[in-house]
């Protein structure tokens, strides 16, 4: 097997956007006298299916409706403020630089949207050199854990499944990659670290734990 491309999830994997998002929801819950249920929250990571809807849950706890529009606007502004402080996760820069040196195709495969992904990449000066960015753009029918986004990415990069490695931070993402028959490395973030990743081919605490040349040697052997 010769690896020709690397496919990366975005939120929580390249950049830890998940911790700021949860922190803002924690602040909102505590403002109203409650605690965000972390286990239920973590089940939303990596998908648009959202089995847990935190605002509805908070309204249930309060027994009344909230001004959803105002709260959402304030929450999003606070979330963006915190995400502005986030850099690429440890080891990601080395992976991307090594992939470029080796001439490997690189793609982003995300249940999020281009509108969300591209400004963050621009801020981090990593908006160039991606061979494909495949996003669900609000279409839940294409989002993970379905394999659709990965299959589209393989087609865009003209790769067979056994020529790619996928990197994911959530069980939903791992399921999507494996459903597309792609070797999948899980690199959980602080929010997903306690979740089950039994479907992953390899689990790393950090990209920095295993340099890309060593990973390629392991997968291609």
C-alpha atoms as a PDB file:
ATOM      1  CA  UNK A   1       0.000   0.000   0.000  1.00  0.00           C
ATOM      2  CA  UNK A   2       1.402   3.399  -0.993  1.00  0.00           C
ATOM      3  CA  UNK A   3      -0.135   6.422   0.720  1.00  0.00           C
ATOM      4  CA  UNK A   4      -0.727   9.352  -1.630  1.00  0.00           C
ATOM      5  CA  UNK A   5      -3.029  11.578   0.418  1.00  0.00           C
ATOM      6  CA  UNK A   6      -3.927  12.717   3.921  1.00  0.00           C
ATOM      7  CA  UNK A   7      -7.482  13.683   4.888  1.00  0.00           C
ATOM      8  CA  UNK A   8      -8.033  15.795   7.983  1.00  0.00           C
ATOM      9  CA  UNK A   9     -11.142  16.631   9.932  1.00  0.00           C
ATOM     10  CA  UNK A  10     -11.195  20.299  10.940  1.00  0.00           C
ATOM     11  CA  UNK A  11     -13.012  21.232  14.150  1.00  0.00           C
ATOM     12  CA  UNK A  12     -11.252  19.781  17.172  1.00  0.00           C
ATOM     13  CA  UNK A  13      -8.659  18.025  15.016  1.00  0.00           C
ATOM     14  CA  UNK A  14      -6.593  20.694  13.261  1.00  0.00           C
ATOM     15  CA  UNK A  15      -7.762  23.453  15.602  1.00  0.00           C
ATOM     16  CA  UNK A  16      -9.376  22.874  18.981  1.00  0.00           C
ATOM     17  CA  UNK A  17     -12.606  24.735  18.362  1.00  0.00           C
ATOM     18  CA  UNK A  18     -14.471  22.234  20.535  1.00  0.00           C
ATOM     19  CA  UNK A  19     -13.099  23.404  23.897  1.00  0.00           C
ATOM     20  CA  UNK A  20     -14.099  27.051  23.342  1.00  0.00           C
ATOM     21  CA  UNK A  21     -17.529  25.950  22.137  1.00  0.00           C
ATOM     22  CA  UNK A  22     -18.152  23.852  25.235  1.00  0.00           C
ATOM     23  CA  UNK A  23     -16.787  26.556  27.531  1.00  0.00           C
ATOM     24  CA  UNK A  24     -19.279  29.084  26.154  1.00  0.00           C
ATOM     25  CA  UNK A  25     -22.155  26.666  26.676  1.00  0.00           C
ATOM     26  CA  UNK A  26     -20.920  25.991  30.209  1.00  0.00           C
ATOM     27  CA  UNK A  27     -20.956  29.723  30.888  1.00  0.00           C
ATOM     28  CA  UNK A  28     -24.479  30.015  29.525  1.00  0.00           C
ATOM     29  CA  UNK A  29     -25.787  27.117  31.622  1.00  0.00           C
ATOM     30  CA  UNK A  30     -24.139  28.415  34.803  1.00  0.00           C
ATOM     31  CA  UNK A  31     -25.557  31.874  34.155  1.00  0.00           C
ATOM     32  CA  UNK A  32     -28.964  30.211  34.510  1.00  0.00           C
ATOM     33  CA  UNK A  33     -27.999  28.064  37.520  1.00  0.00           C
ATOM     34  CA  UNK A  34     -27.311  24.729  35.813  1.00  0.00           C
ATOM     35  CA  UNK A  35     -24.396  22.604  34.600  1.00  0.00           C
ATOM     36  CA  UNK A  36     -23.926  21.507  31.005  1.00  0.00           C
ATOM     37  CA  UNK A  37     -24.130  17.678  30.794  1.00  0.00           C
ATOM     38  CA  UNK A  38     -20.722  16.920  29.261  1.00  0.00           C
ATOM     39  CA  UNK A  39     -21.418  13.349  28.166  1.00  0.00           C
ATOM     40  CA  UNK A  40     -24.488  14.372  26.216  1.00  0.00           C
ATOM     41  CA  UNK A  41     -22.656  17.362  24.741  1.00  0.00           C
ATOM     42  CA  UNK A  42     -19.762  15.221  23.489  1.00  0.00           C
ATOM     43  CA  UNK A  43     -22.169  13.118  21.437  1.00  0.00           C
ATOM     44  CA  UNK A  44     -22.718  16.107  19.113  1.00  0.00           C
ATOM     45  CA  UNK A  45     -19.058  16.464  18.153  1.00  0.00           C
ATOM     46  CA  UNK A  46     -18.320  15.753  14.497  1.00  0.00           C
ATOM     47  CA  UNK A  47     -21.874  15.554  13.170  1.00  0.00           C
ATOM     48  CA  UNK A  48     -24.863  17.716  12.262  1.00  0.00           C
ATOM     49  CA  UNK A  49     -27.322  15.136  13.604  1.00  0.00           C
ATOM     50  CA  UNK A  50     -27.112  16.712  17.091  1.00  0.00           C
ATOM     51  CA  UNK A  51     -28.772  14.093  19.296  1.00  0.00           C
ATOM     52  CA  UNK A  52     -28.461  16.645  22.119  1.00  0.00           C
ATOM     53  CA  UNK A  53     -29.840  20.162  21.595  1.00  0.00           C
ATOM     54  CA  UNK A  54     -28.416  22.218  24.473  1.00  0.00           C
ATOM     55  CA  UNK A  55     -30.685  25.251  24.207  1.00  0.00           C
ATOM     56  CA  UNK A  56     -33.838  23.126  24.266  1.00  0.00           C
ATOM     57  CA  UNK A  57     -32.423  21.184  27.208  1.00  0.00           C
ATOM     58  CA  UNK A  58     -31.711  24.411  29.101  1.00  0.00           C
ATOM     59  CA  UNK A  59     -35.261  25.607  28.458  1.00  0.00           C
ATOM     60  CA  UNK A  60     -36.562  22.305  29.815  1.00  0.00           C
ATOM     61  CA  UNK A  61     -34.495  22.742  32.964  1.00  0.00           C
ATOM     62  CA  UNK A  62     -35.767  26.302  33.402  1.00  0.00           C
ATOM     63  CA  UNK A  63     -39.345  25.457  32.551  1.00  0.00           C
ATOM     64  CA  UNK A  64     -39.630  28.473  30.267  1.00  0.00           C
ATOM     65  CA  UNK A  65     -38.601  29.768  26.874  1.00  0.00           C
ATOM     66  CA  UNK A  66     -35.485  31.849  26.320  1.00  0.00           C
ATOM     67  CA  UNK A  67     -34.695  34.633  23.865  1.00  0.00           C
ATOM     68  CA  UNK A  68     -32.935  32.241  21.509  1.00  0.00           C
ATOM     69  CA  UNK A  69     -31.902  34.853  18.975  1.00  0.00           C
ATOM     70  CA  UNK A  70     -30.189  37.094  21.527  1.00  0.00           C
ATOM     71  CA  UNK A  71     -28.514  34.198  23.343  1.00  0.00           C
ATOM     72  CA  UNK A  72     -27.281  32.655  20.101  1.00  0.00           C
ATOM     73  CA  UNK A  73     -25.816  35.950  18.901  1.00  0.00           C
ATOM     74  CA  UNK A  74     -24.034  36.503  22.212  1.00  0.00           C
ATOM     75  CA  UNK A  75     -22.819  32.903  22.402  1.00  0.00           C
ATOM     76  CA  UNK A  76     -21.413  32.925  18.882  1.00  0.00           C
ATOM     77  CA  UNK A  77     -19.568  36.207  19.469  1.00  0.00           C
ATOM     78  CA  UNK A  78     -18.009  34.821  22.654  1.00  0.00           C
ATOM     79  CA  UNK A  79     -17.109  31.549  20.920  1.00  0.00           C
ATOM     80  CA  UNK A  80     -15.363  33.356  18.065  1.00  0.00           C
ATOM     81  CA  UNK A  81     -13.492  35.483  20.581  1.00  0.00           C
ATOM     82  CA  UNK A  82     -12.103  32.366  22.257  1.00  0.00           C
ATOM     83  CA  UNK A  83     -11.340  30.553  18.997  1.00  0.00           C
ATOM     84  CA  UNK A  84      -9.239  33.550  17.940  1.00  0.00           C
ATOM     85  CA  UNK A  85      -6.824  32.475  20.693  1.00  0.00           C
ATOM     86  CA  UNK A  86      -6.435  28.939  19.332  1.00  0.00           C
ATOM     87  CA  UNK A  87      -3.531  27.821  17.161  1.00  0.00           C
ATOM     88  CA  UNK A  88      -3.060  24.597  15.221  1.00  0.00           C
ATOM     89  CA  UNK A  89      -2.932  21.623  17.565  1.00  0.00           C
ATOM     90  CA  UNK A  90       0.554  20.334  18.485  1.00  0.00           C
ATOM     91  CA  UNK A  91       2.253  18.447  15.678  1.00  0.00           C
ATOM     92  CA  UNK A  92      -0.184  19.495  12.946  1.00  0.00           C
ATOM     93  CA  UNK A  93       2.246  21.999  11.418  1.00  0.00           C
ATOM     94  CA  UNK A  94       4.929  19.312  11.156  1.00  0.00           C
ATOM     95  CA  UNK A  95       2.499  16.897   9.493  1.00  0.00           C
ATOM     96  CA  UNK A  96       1.436  19.454   6.899  1.00  0.00           C
ATOM     97  CA  UNK A  97       5.005  20.536   6.152  1.00  0.00           C
ATOM     98  CA  UNK A  98       6.172  16.925   5.810  1.00  0.00           C
ATOM     99  CA  UNK A  99       3.233  16.102   3.549  1.00  0.00           C
ATOM    100  CA  UNK A 100       4.179  19.012   1.298  1.00  0.00           C
ATOM    101  CA  UNK A 101       7.808  17.860   1.173  1.00  0.00           C
ATOM    102  CA  UNK A 102       6.683  14.385   0.158  1.00  0.00           C
ATOM    103  CA  UNK A 103       4.208  15.610  -2.442  1.00  0.00           C
ATOM    104  CA  UNK A 104       1.231  14.076  -0.662  1.00  0.00           C
ATOM    105  CA  UNK A 105      -2.224  15.416  -1.417  1.00  0.00           C
ATOM    106  CA  UNK A 106      -3.932  17.014   1.576  1.00  0.00           C
ATOM    107  CA  UNK A 107      -7.618  17.607   2.122  1.00  0.00           C
ATOM    108  CA  UNK A 108     -10.007  18.794   4.811  1.00  0.00           C
ATOM    109  CA  UNK A 109     -13.127  16.691   5.310  1.00  0.00           C
ATOM    110  CA  UNK A 110     -15.571  18.361   7.664  1.00  0.00           C
ATOM    111  CA  UNK A 111     -19.193  18.284   8.761  1.00  0.00           C
ATOM    112  CA  UNK A 112     -18.865  22.050   9.156  1.00  0.00           C
ATOM    113  CA  UNK A 113     -18.976  24.655   6.362  1.00  0.00           C
ATOM    114  CA  UNK A 114     -16.526  26.448   4.103  1.00  0.00           C
ATOM    115  CA  UNK A 115     -17.801  29.702   5.598  1.00  0.00           C
ATOM    116  CA  UNK A 116     -16.623  28.521   9.036  1.00  0.00           C
ATOM    117  CA  UNK A 117     -13.391  26.797   8.015  1.00  0.00           C
ATOM    118  CA  UNK A 118     -11.790  29.285   5.634  1.00  0.00           C
ATOM    119  CA  UNK A 119     -11.580  32.367   7.911  1.00  0.00           C
ATOM    120  CA  UNK A 120      -9.863  30.301  10.601  1.00  0.00           C
ATOM    121  CA  UNK A 121      -7.395  28.914   8.066  1.00  0.00           C
ATOM    122  CA  UNK A 122      -6.702  32.437   6.803  1.00  0.00           C
ATOM    123  CA  UNK A 123      -6.007  33.679  10.323  1.00  0.00           C
ATOM    124  CA  UNK A 124      -3.572  30.793  10.839  1.00  0.00           C
ATOM    125  CA  UNK A 125      -2.001  31.439   7.419  1.00  0.00           C
ATOM    126  CA  UNK A 126      -2.923  27.914   6.336  1.00  0.00           C
ATOM    127  CA  UNK A 127      -5.572  28.687   3.713  1.00  0.00           C
ATOM    128  CA  UNK A 128      -3.319  27.714   0.795  1.00  0.00           C
ATOM    129  CA  UNK A 129      -1.906  24.395  -0.364  1.00  0.00           C
ATOM    130  CA  UNK A 130      -5.024  22.344   0.420  1.00  0.00           C
ATOM    131  CA  UNK A 131      -5.851  20.178  -2.583  1.00  0.00           C
ATOM    132  CA  UNK A 132      -9.485  19.863  -1.511  1.00  0.00           C
ATOM    133  CA  UNK A 133     -11.792  21.143   1.215  1.00  0.00           C
ATOM    134  CA  UNK A 134     -14.961  19.053   1.381  1.00  0.00           C
ATOM    135  CA  UNK A 135     -17.608  20.289   3.813  1.00  0.00           C
ATOM    136  CA  UNK A 136     -21.222  19.422   4.584  1.00  0.00           C
ATOM    137  CA  UNK A 137     -22.233  23.105   4.408  1.00  0.00           C
ATOM    138  CA  UNK A 138     -25.329  22.524   6.502  1.00  0.00           C
ATOM    139  CA  UNK A 139     -26.500  19.395   4.683  1.00  0.00           C
ATOM    140  CA  UNK A 140     -27.041  16.858   7.462  1.00  0.00           C
ATOM    141  CA  UNK A 141     -27.596  14.096   4.909  1.00  0.00           C
ATOM    142  CA  UNK A 142     -23.933  14.434   3.851  1.00  0.00           C
ATOM    143  CA  UNK A 143     -22.448  14.914   7.306  1.00  0.00           C
ATOM    144  CA  UNK A 144     -20.534  12.360   9.338  1.00  0.00           C
ATOM    145  CA  UNK A 145     -20.931   9.584  10.459  1.00  0.00           C
ATOM    146  CA  UNK A 146     -22.010   8.969   6.871  1.00  0.00           C
ATOM    147  CA  UNK A 147     -19.086   8.261   4.502  1.00  0.00           C
ATOM    148  CA  UNK A 148     -20.296  10.731   1.861  1.00  0.00           C
ATOM    149  CA  UNK A 149     -17.797  13.508   2.582  1.00  0.00           C
ATOM    150  CA  UNK A 150     -14.871  11.090   2.556  1.00  0.00           C
ATOM    151  CA  UNK A 151     -16.012   9.486  -0.666  1.00  0.00           C
ATOM    152  CA  UNK A 152     -16.287  12.939  -2.235  1.00  0.00           C
ATOM    153  CA  UNK A 153     -12.796  13.813  -1.013  1.00  0.00           C
ATOM    154  CA  UNK A 154     -11.322  10.631  -2.470  1.00  0.00           C
ATOM    155  CA  UNK A 155     -12.951  11.417  -5.799  1.00  0.00           C
ATOM    156  CA  UNK A 156     -11.753  15.029  -5.752  1.00  0.00           C
ATOM    157  CA  UNK A 157      -8.172  13.939  -5.058  1.00  0.00           C
ATOM    158  CA  UNK A 158      -8.364  10.940  -7.410  1.00  0.00           C
ATOM    159  CA  UNK A 159      -7.371   8.569  -4.614  1.00  0.00           C
ATOM    160  CA  UNK A 160      -8.392   5.012  -3.858  1.00  0.00           C
ATOM    161  CA  UNK A 161      -9.396   4.377  -0.247  1.00  0.00           C
ATOM    162  CA  UNK A 162      -6.210   2.419   0.448  1.00  0.00           C
ATOM    163  CA  UNK A 163      -4.091   5.346  -0.762  1.00  0.00           C
ATOM    164  CA  UNK A 164      -5.281   7.694   1.999  1.00  0.00           C
ATOM    165  CA  UNK A 165      -5.082   8.152   5.745  1.00  0.00           C
ATOM    166  CA  UNK A 166      -7.877   9.935   7.597  1.00  0.00           C
ATOM    167  CA  UNK A 167      -7.367  11.834  10.849  1.00  0.00           C
ATOM    168  CA  UNK A 168     -10.306  12.315  13.186  1.00  0.00           C
ATOM    169  CA  UNK A 169     -11.009  13.545  16.709  1.00  0.00           C
ATOM    170  CA  UNK A 170     -14.522  12.110  17.192  1.00  0.00           C
ATOM    171  CA  UNK A 171     -16.195   8.689  17.009  1.00  0.00           C
ATOM    172  CA  UNK A 172     -18.612  10.068  14.388  1.00  0.00           C
ATOM    173  CA  UNK A 173     -15.668  11.016  12.209  1.00  0.00           C
ATOM    174  CA  UNK A 174     -13.944   7.663  12.681  1.00  0.00           C
ATOM    175  CA  UNK A 175     -17.129   5.870  11.680  1.00  0.00           C
ATOM    176  CA  UNK A 176     -17.356   7.982   8.524  1.00  0.00           C
ATOM    177  CA  UNK A 177     -13.756   7.283   7.514  1.00  0.00           C
ATOM    178  CA  UNK A 178     -14.035   3.561   8.174  1.00  0.00           C
ATOM    179  CA  UNK A 179     -17.328   3.373   6.271  1.00  0.00           C
ATOM    180  CA  UNK A 180     -15.349   4.780   3.329  1.00  0.00           C
ATOM    181  CA  UNK A 181     -12.754   2.019   3.969  1.00  0.00           C
ATOM    182  CA  UNK A 182      -9.971   4.479   4.808  1.00  0.00           C
ATOM    183  CA  UNK A 183      -7.252   3.829   7.398  1.00  0.00           C
ATOM    184  CA  UNK A 184      -8.159   6.134  10.268  1.00  0.00           C
ATOM    185  CA  UNK A 185      -6.011   7.673  12.994  1.00  0.00           C
ATOM    186  CA  UNK A 186      -7.921   9.111  15.953  1.00  0.00           C
ATOM    187  CA  UNK A 187      -6.375  12.127  17.673  1.00  0.00           C
ATOM    188  CA  UNK A 188      -8.950  13.028  20.346  1.00  0.00           C
ATOM    189  CA  UNK A 189      -9.139  16.537  21.752  1.00  0.00           C
ATOM    190  CA  UNK A 190      -9.824  17.428  25.415  1.00  0.00           C
ATOM    191  CA  UNK A 191     -13.583  17.216  24.808  1.00  0.00           C
ATOM    192  CA  UNK A 192     -13.570  13.802  23.082  1.00  0.00           C
ATOM    193  CA  UNK A 193     -10.688  12.143  24.952  1.00  0.00           C
ATOM    194  CA  UNK A 194     -13.040  10.109  27.160  1.00  0.00           C
ATOM    195  CA  UNK A 195     -15.117   8.752  24.255  1.00  0.00           C
ATOM    196  CA  UNK A 196     -14.738   5.289  22.705  1.00  0.00           C
ATOM    197  CA  UNK A 197     -12.562   5.022  19.593  1.00  0.00           C
ATOM    198  CA  UNK A 198     -12.587   1.267  19.148  1.00  0.00           C
ATOM    199  CA  UNK A 199     -13.167   1.582  15.391  1.00  0.00           C
ATOM    200  CA  UNK A 200      -9.994   3.596  14.813  1.00  0.00           C
ATOM    201  CA  UNK A 201      -6.956   1.834  13.370  1.00  0.00           C
ATOM    202  CA  UNK A 202      -4.650   3.883  15.606  1.00  0.00           C
ATOM    203  CA  UNK A 203      -5.167   6.297  18.491  1.00  0.00           C
ATOM    204  CA  UNK A 204      -2.722   9.107  19.293  1.00  0.00           C
ATOM    205  CA  UNK A 205      -2.889  11.631  22.098  1.00  0.00           C
ATOM    206  CA  UNK A 206      -1.182  14.136  19.809  1.00  0.00           C
ATOM    207  CA  UNK A 207       0.159  14.387  16.278  1.00  0.00           C
ATOM    208  CA  UNK A 208       3.490  15.112  17.946  1.00  0.00           C
ATOM    209  CA  UNK A 209       3.537  11.593  19.413  1.00  0.00           C
ATOM    210  CA  UNK A 210       4.178   9.945  16.034  1.00  0.00           C
ATOM    211  CA  UNK A 211       5.972  11.838  13.240  1.00  0.00           C
ATOM    212  CA  UNK A 212       4.438  11.436   9.804  1.00  0.00           C
ATOM    213  CA  UNK A 213       7.384   9.437   8.363  1.00  0.00           C
ATOM    214  CA  UNK A 214       6.942   6.845  11.122  1.00  0.00           C
ATOM    215  CA  UNK A 215       3.187   6.677  10.568  1.00  0.00           C
ATOM    216  CA  UNK A 216       3.653   6.182   6.829  1.00  0.00           C
ATOM    217  CA  UNK A 217       6.200   3.441   7.444  1.00  0.00           C
ATOM    218  CA  UNK A 218       3.741   1.694   9.767  1.00  0.00           C
ATOM    219  CA  UNK A 219       0.773   1.956   7.391  1.00  0.00           C
ATOM    220  CA  UNK A 220       2.680   1.064   4.249  1.00  0.00           C
ATOM    221  CA  UNK A 221       4.500  -1.932   5.733  1.00  0.00           C
END
